[in-house]
Protein backbone atom coordinates (compact mmCIF):
# COMPACT_ATOMS: atom_id res chain seq x y z
CA UNK A 1 32.26 82.71 -120.06
CA UNK A 2 30.90 85.95 -119.47
CA UNK A 3 33.37 88.30 -119.35
CA UNK A 4 32.98 92.53 -118.59
CA UNK A 5 35.62 93.91 -121.67
CA UNK A 6 35.73 97.49 -120.86
CA UNK A 7 35.20 99.44 -117.64
CA UNK A 8 31.80 100.50 -119.13
CA UNK A 9 30.73 97.88 -119.09
CA UNK A 10 31.00 96.69 -115.72
CA UNK A 11 29.98 100.63 -114.02
CA UNK A 12 26.38 99.75 -115.89
CA UNK A 13 26.47 96.30 -113.93
CA UNK A 14 27.21 97.98 -110.73
CA UNK A 15 24.35 100.20 -111.23
CA UNK A 16 21.65 97.49 -112.56
CA UNK A 17 23.19 95.86 -109.42
CA UNK A 18 23.11 98.36 -106.95
CA UNK A 19 19.59 99.85 -108.82
CA UNK A 20 18.33 96.42 -107.92
CA UNK A 21 19.03 96.31 -104.51
CA UNK A 22 17.60 99.75 -103.59
CA UNK A 23 14.46 98.47 -105.35
CA UNK A 24 14.49 95.24 -102.76
CA UNK A 25 15.41 97.69 -100.17
CA UNK A 26 12.55 100.47 -100.67
CA UNK A 27 9.84 97.20 -101.64
CA UNK A 28 10.84 96.01 -98.13
CA UNK A 29 10.27 98.59 -96.33
CA UNK A 30 7.36 100.03 -97.98
CA UNK A 31 5.51 96.70 -97.55
CA UNK A 32 6.60 96.34 -93.88
CA UNK A 33 6.20 100.13 -92.72
CA UNK A 34 2.39 99.21 -91.87
CA UNK A 35 3.87 98.34 -88.62
CA UNK A 36 5.59 101.23 -88.13
CA UNK A 37 4.10 104.67 -86.42
CA UNK A 38 3.54 106.02 -90.02
CA UNK A 39 -0.49 106.41 -89.70
CA UNK A 40 -1.52 110.46 -88.83
CA UNK A 41 -2.85 110.37 -85.82
CA UNK A 42 -6.87 110.67 -86.11
CA UNK A 43 -9.66 112.81 -83.62
CA UNK A 44 -12.15 111.95 -82.06
CA UNK A 45 -15.43 113.74 -80.37
CA UNK A 46 -17.31 112.08 -76.60
CA UNK A 47 -20.49 111.23 -76.97
CA UNK A 48 -22.54 108.22 -75.13
CA UNK A 49 -23.95 105.70 -77.86
CA UNK A 50 -25.97 103.12 -77.22
CA UNK A 51 -26.30 99.41 -76.14
CA UNK A 52 -23.28 98.44 -78.44
CA UNK A 53 -20.05 100.25 -80.14
CA UNK A 54 -21.46 101.00 -84.08
CA UNK A 55 -19.28 99.79 -86.07
CA UNK A 56 -19.40 101.47 -89.81
CA UNK A 57 -17.18 99.61 -92.69
CA UNK A 58 -16.43 100.90 -95.89
CA UNK A 59 -16.06 98.26 -98.86
CA UNK A 60 -14.11 99.49 -101.51
CA UNK A 61 -14.72 96.16 -103.69
CA UNK A 62 -12.75 96.67 -106.93
CA UNK A 63 -12.15 100.06 -106.73
CA UNK A 64 -9.45 102.35 -106.28
CA UNK A 65 -5.83 103.28 -107.93
CA UNK A 66 -3.15 104.32 -106.01
CA UNK A 67 -3.07 107.92 -107.19
CA UNK A 68 -7.38 107.90 -105.78
CA UNK A 69 -6.57 106.10 -102.99
CA UNK A 70 -4.37 108.95 -101.90
CA UNK A 71 -6.55 111.80 -102.46
CA UNK A 72 -9.46 109.82 -100.57
CA UNK A 73 -7.34 109.15 -97.61
CA UNK A 74 -6.44 112.78 -97.51
CA UNK A 75 -10.48 113.49 -97.57
CA UNK A 76 -10.93 111.35 -94.91
CA UNK A 77 -7.92 112.45 -92.63
CA UNK A 78 -9.28 115.57 -93.07
CA UNK A 79 -12.78 114.89 -92.18
CA UNK A 80 -12.25 115.94 -88.23
CA UNK A 81 -13.33 113.96 -85.55
CA UNK A 82 -14.43 109.33 -85.33
CA UNK A 83 -17.65 110.00 -82.45
CA UNK A 84 -16.42 108.19 -79.32
CA UNK A 85 -19.11 105.51 -79.85
CA UNK A 86 -18.31 104.19 -83.46
CA UNK A 87 -15.39 102.12 -85.08
CA UNK A 88 -14.60 102.13 -88.05
CA UNK A 89 -12.98 100.09 -90.67
CA UNK A 90 -12.08 100.97 -94.55
CA UNK A 91 -12.11 97.23 -96.34
CA UNK A 92 -9.58 97.93 -99.97
CA UNK A 93 -8.38 96.03 -102.60
CA UNK A 94 -5.57 93.12 -101.36
CA UNK A 95 -2.90 94.94 -103.24
CA UNK A 96 -3.46 98.47 -101.49
CA UNK A 97 -3.59 97.50 -98.10
CA UNK A 98 0.17 99.01 -97.64
CA UNK A 99 -1.39 101.94 -98.82
CA UNK A 100 -3.54 102.42 -95.82
CA UNK A 101 -1.94 100.83 -93.03
CA UNK A 102 0.75 103.50 -94.07
CA UNK A 103 -1.18 106.97 -94.30
CA UNK A 104 -4.47 106.57 -93.92
CA UNK A 105 -5.69 107.92 -89.94
CA UNK A 106 -5.07 105.62 -87.25
CA UNK A 107 -8.27 105.57 -84.97
CA UNK A 108 -9.42 104.14 -89.16
CA UNK A 109 -8.84 100.21 -89.00
CA UNK A 110 -7.98 98.44 -92.25
CA UNK A 111 -9.28 94.97 -93.53
CA UNK A 112 -9.52 92.66 -96.23
CA UNK A 113 -12.31 91.75 -98.42
CA UNK A 114 -11.96 88.13 -98.33
CA UNK A 115 -9.58 85.44 -97.52
CA UNK A 116 -9.19 81.68 -98.05
CA UNK A 117 -10.41 79.10 -96.09
CA UNK A 118 -6.54 77.97 -96.64
CA UNK A 119 -3.54 78.30 -94.54
CA UNK A 120 0.40 78.27 -96.20
CA UNK A 121 0.47 76.33 -99.28
CA UNK A 122 -0.11 75.69 -102.45
CA UNK A 123 -2.72 77.78 -103.22
CA UNK A 124 -2.00 79.65 -106.08
CA UNK A 125 -3.90 82.87 -105.68
CA UNK A 126 -5.10 82.64 -102.52
CA UNK A 127 -4.79 85.54 -99.31
CA UNK A 128 -4.42 83.70 -96.09
CA UNK A 129 -6.15 85.34 -93.20
CA UNK A 130 -2.88 84.97 -91.40
CA UNK A 131 -0.95 87.26 -94.19
CA UNK A 132 -3.64 89.59 -93.69
CA UNK A 133 -3.18 89.96 -89.65
CA UNK A 134 0.76 89.82 -90.07
CA UNK A 135 0.77 93.06 -92.38
CA UNK A 136 -1.31 94.80 -90.27
CA UNK A 137 -4.92 94.38 -90.43
CA UNK A 138 -7.77 93.83 -88.24
CA UNK A 139 -11.27 92.86 -89.92
CA UNK A 140 -12.25 90.42 -93.12
CA UNK A 141 -15.73 90.78 -95.26
CA UNK A 142 -17.04 87.24 -95.49
CA UNK A 143 -19.88 86.14 -97.10
CA UNK A 144 -20.59 89.07 -99.37
CA UNK A 145 -23.42 88.29 -101.38
CA UNK A 146 -21.02 88.93 -104.72
CA UNK A 147 -19.16 86.44 -103.79
CA UNK A 148 -21.72 84.01 -102.69
CA UNK A 149 -23.44 85.07 -106.14
CA UNK A 150 -20.33 84.46 -107.92
CA UNK A 151 -19.41 86.87 -111.24
CA UNK A 152 -18.53 84.40 -113.81
CA UNK A 153 -17.28 81.89 -111.46
CA UNK A 154 -18.93 79.81 -108.98
CA UNK A 155 -20.17 81.49 -105.96
CA UNK A 156 -19.02 80.45 -102.48
CA UNK A 157 -22.00 78.39 -100.20
CA UNK A 158 -22.70 79.05 -97.03
CA UNK A 159 -20.73 76.29 -95.37
CA UNK A 160 -17.72 77.81 -97.12
CA UNK A 161 -18.18 81.34 -95.74
CA UNK A 162 -18.94 79.65 -92.31
CA UNK A 163 -15.53 77.80 -93.08
CA UNK A 164 -13.69 80.92 -93.71
CA UNK A 165 -14.98 82.70 -90.27
CA UNK A 166 -13.62 80.46 -88.43
CA UNK A 167 -10.37 80.26 -90.01
CA UNK A 168 -10.33 84.49 -89.90
CA UNK A 169 -10.91 84.22 -86.32
CA UNK A 170 -8.66 81.60 -85.23
CA UNK A 171 -5.67 84.08 -87.33
CA UNK A 172 -6.47 86.64 -84.34
CA UNK A 173 -9.20 88.63 -87.31
CA UNK A 174 -12.65 90.38 -86.66
CA UNK A 175 -14.63 88.98 -89.19
CA UNK A 176 -17.83 91.26 -90.42
CA UNK A 177 -19.80 88.21 -91.83
CA UNK A 178 -22.19 89.04 -94.69
CA UNK A 179 -26.37 87.45 -95.15
CA UNK A 180 -29.16 88.53 -97.11
CA UNK A 181 -32.27 87.67 -99.17
CA UNK A 182 -32.51 88.33 -102.99
CA UNK A 183 -35.56 90.25 -104.17
CA UNK A 184 -37.51 87.17 -105.12
CA UNK A 185 -36.89 85.82 -102.04
CA UNK A 186 -38.24 88.62 -100.00
CA UNK A 187 -40.83 89.33 -102.43
CA UNK A 188 -42.33 85.41 -101.72
CA UNK A 189 -41.92 86.27 -97.60
CA UNK A 190 -38.66 83.96 -97.50
CA UNK A 191 -36.03 86.71 -95.73
CA UNK A 192 -35.54 85.37 -92.99
CA UNK A 193 -35.73 81.61 -94.25
CA UNK A 194 -32.65 83.02 -96.67
CA UNK A 195 -30.72 84.43 -93.44
CA UNK A 196 -31.60 81.67 -90.87
CA UNK A 197 -29.61 79.13 -94.03
CA UNK A 198 -26.71 81.88 -93.69
CA UNK A 199 -26.39 81.55 -90.17
CA UNK A 200 -26.87 77.68 -89.48
CA UNK A 201 -23.04 76.52 -91.05
CA UNK A 202 -21.76 79.89 -89.33
CA UNK A 203 -23.13 79.00 -85.65
CA UNK A 204 -21.99 75.19 -86.09
CA UNK A 205 -18.41 76.45 -87.20
CA UNK A 206 -17.61 79.30 -84.26
CA UNK A 207 -17.30 78.44 -80.88
CA UNK A 208 -19.54 80.40 -77.95
CA UNK A 209 -16.35 83.20 -77.13
CA UNK A 210 -15.36 83.38 -81.06
CA UNK A 211 -18.92 85.33 -81.54
CA UNK A 212 -17.04 88.34 -79.66
CA UNK A 213 -15.09 88.70 -83.25
CA UNK A 214 -17.51 88.54 -85.34
CA UNK A 215 -19.97 91.45 -86.48
CA UNK A 216 -23.06 90.35 -89.27
CA UNK A 217 -23.34 92.68 -91.81
CA UNK A 218 -27.70 92.09 -92.81
CA UNK A 219 -27.60 93.22 -96.64
CA UNK A 220 -30.81 92.74 -99.08
CA UNK A 221 -29.43 91.58 -102.00
CA UNK A 222 -31.72 93.67 -103.86
CA UNK A 223 -30.43 96.78 -102.03
CA UNK A 224 -26.71 96.54 -102.83
CA UNK A 225 -25.57 99.20 -105.65
CA UNK A 226 -29.28 99.86 -106.99
CA UNK A 227 -29.97 102.98 -104.83
CA UNK A 228 -33.05 100.71 -103.65
CA UNK A 229 -33.04 100.62 -99.83
CA UNK A 230 -35.18 99.17 -96.96
CA UNK A 231 -36.94 101.99 -94.77
CA UNK A 232 -35.65 101.93 -91.63
CA UNK A 233 -38.26 99.56 -90.32
CA UNK A 234 -38.37 97.34 -92.85
CA UNK A 235 -34.80 96.97 -91.53
CA UNK A 236 -35.31 97.06 -88.38
CA UNK A 237 -37.85 94.15 -88.77
CA UNK A 238 -35.24 91.87 -89.92
CA UNK A 239 -32.44 93.21 -87.51
CA UNK A 240 -34.75 91.97 -85.03
CA UNK A 241 -35.43 88.70 -86.63
CA UNK A 242 -31.60 87.50 -86.97
CA UNK A 243 -31.14 88.95 -83.04
CA UNK A 244 -33.61 86.55 -81.93
CA UNK A 245 -32.22 83.24 -84.17
CA UNK A 246 -29.05 84.00 -83.09
CA UNK A 247 -30.50 83.86 -79.15
CA UNK A 248 -32.29 80.88 -80.29
CA UNK A 249 -29.48 78.95 -82.02
CA UNK A 250 -26.35 81.03 -79.83
CA UNK A 251 -27.46 81.75 -77.05
CA UNK A 252 -29.34 85.38 -75.72
CA UNK A 253 -25.87 86.44 -73.92
CA UNK A 254 -24.48 86.56 -77.65
CA UNK A 255 -27.53 87.81 -79.45
CA UNK A 256 -27.35 90.90 -77.21
CA UNK A 257 -23.59 91.85 -77.59
CA UNK A 258 -23.39 91.12 -81.43
CA UNK A 259 -24.03 94.20 -83.53
CA UNK A 260 -25.40 94.04 -86.66
CA UNK A 261 -24.89 96.18 -89.56
CA UNK A 262 -27.28 96.90 -92.31
CA UNK A 263 -25.87 97.12 -95.81
CA UNK A 264 -28.47 97.49 -98.59
CA UNK A 265 -27.37 101.56 -100.20
CA UNK A 266 -26.62 102.98 -96.61
CA UNK A 267 -25.25 106.92 -97.46
CA UNK A 268 -25.16 110.33 -95.63
CA UNK A 269 -28.31 110.93 -96.66
CA UNK A 270 -30.66 108.19 -94.46
CA UNK A 271 -27.87 106.69 -92.57
CA UNK A 272 -29.05 109.11 -89.13
CA UNK A 273 -32.86 106.96 -89.34
CA UNK A 274 -31.32 103.62 -90.67
CA UNK A 275 -28.83 103.98 -87.23
CA UNK A 276 -31.76 104.86 -84.82
CA UNK A 277 -33.16 101.56 -85.06
CA UNK A 278 -32.73 99.69 -82.02
CA UNK A 279 -30.94 96.48 -83.18
CA UNK A 280 -29.11 98.10 -86.14
CA UNK A 281 -25.50 98.75 -84.97
CA UNK A 282 -23.78 99.56 -87.73
CA UNK A 283 -23.48 99.80 -91.69
CA UNK A 284 -21.46 97.87 -94.34
CA UNK A 285 -21.33 100.68 -96.60
CA UNK A 286 -20.35 99.98 -100.76
CA UNK A 287 -20.65 103.08 -102.65
CA UNK A 288 -20.66 105.60 -100.37
CA UNK A 289 -17.34 104.59 -98.86
CA UNK A 290 -15.74 105.76 -101.75
CA UNK A 291 -16.48 109.45 -100.88
CA UNK A 292 -16.28 112.11 -98.16
CA UNK A 293 -20.27 110.85 -97.51
CA UNK A 294 -18.67 108.03 -96.02
CA UNK A 295 -17.67 110.88 -92.69
CA UNK A 296 -21.71 111.80 -92.65
CA UNK A 297 -22.54 107.82 -92.43
CA UNK A 298 -19.94 107.91 -89.58
CA UNK A 299 -21.69 110.83 -88.14
CA UNK A 300 -25.03 110.08 -88.51
CA UNK A 301 -25.13 107.97 -85.43
CA UNK A 302 -27.71 109.07 -82.28
CA UNK A 303 -25.87 111.68 -80.78
């Protein structure tokens, strides 16, 4: 049997046990502090806006460290007021969500970049929608082209993306549901055919009331991270086609209310012209959301 032969050994055990307990308690409070009011207050400036409230989402993708995030959060917290006609969300990696939920200004919502189509159970490595909601997230991105295409793994089919969206909505999350065509599909005139094929399973999965929690993020795959951007006129044409599809296949009321974001390399330099289009209701921002330029996008909404 185990025995302690000296007071020195006993003291070391007490110290180690106490340290472990302190560490466990610290971890508990860190991961539960998102439910406390520790976030700095944001600020707003009154702007009339348009028919729908703009939605600007930042997708940090697989970027960030605790130290780098601290610096970026400081920049965002000091970036000045957000127009009242804009809703802002930042979606970080799963492991950094608690950092945002404890230190990012409270007028910027926090979301995940994906969730599973499962509930709790034996699903190793998955993050469930109810867990994002429990942590304090209000949004999640579903169906991003990088996940639809896959990166060294099988991509996610449209039916699975639609199923995930329904699970997320039922868990109380809002969803930015991404769709979009590849370069060769646009060049062959199949843009709307591709978008419709991605929307059809979604329309079957959602109830009429579910659409209140869903925004469509149109992301031409050929423009993501390439520096290429659809002209405002090209983007508007596709957004109008998407809204018409929703009107014809869901309802005119849902089509009128649904926000459609643009997600192809939007940044401060082009945001104003894109957001001026009548059917572009915001953006899903990649690279520009990792720097101060994110607030140039936010402030690019029509005044």
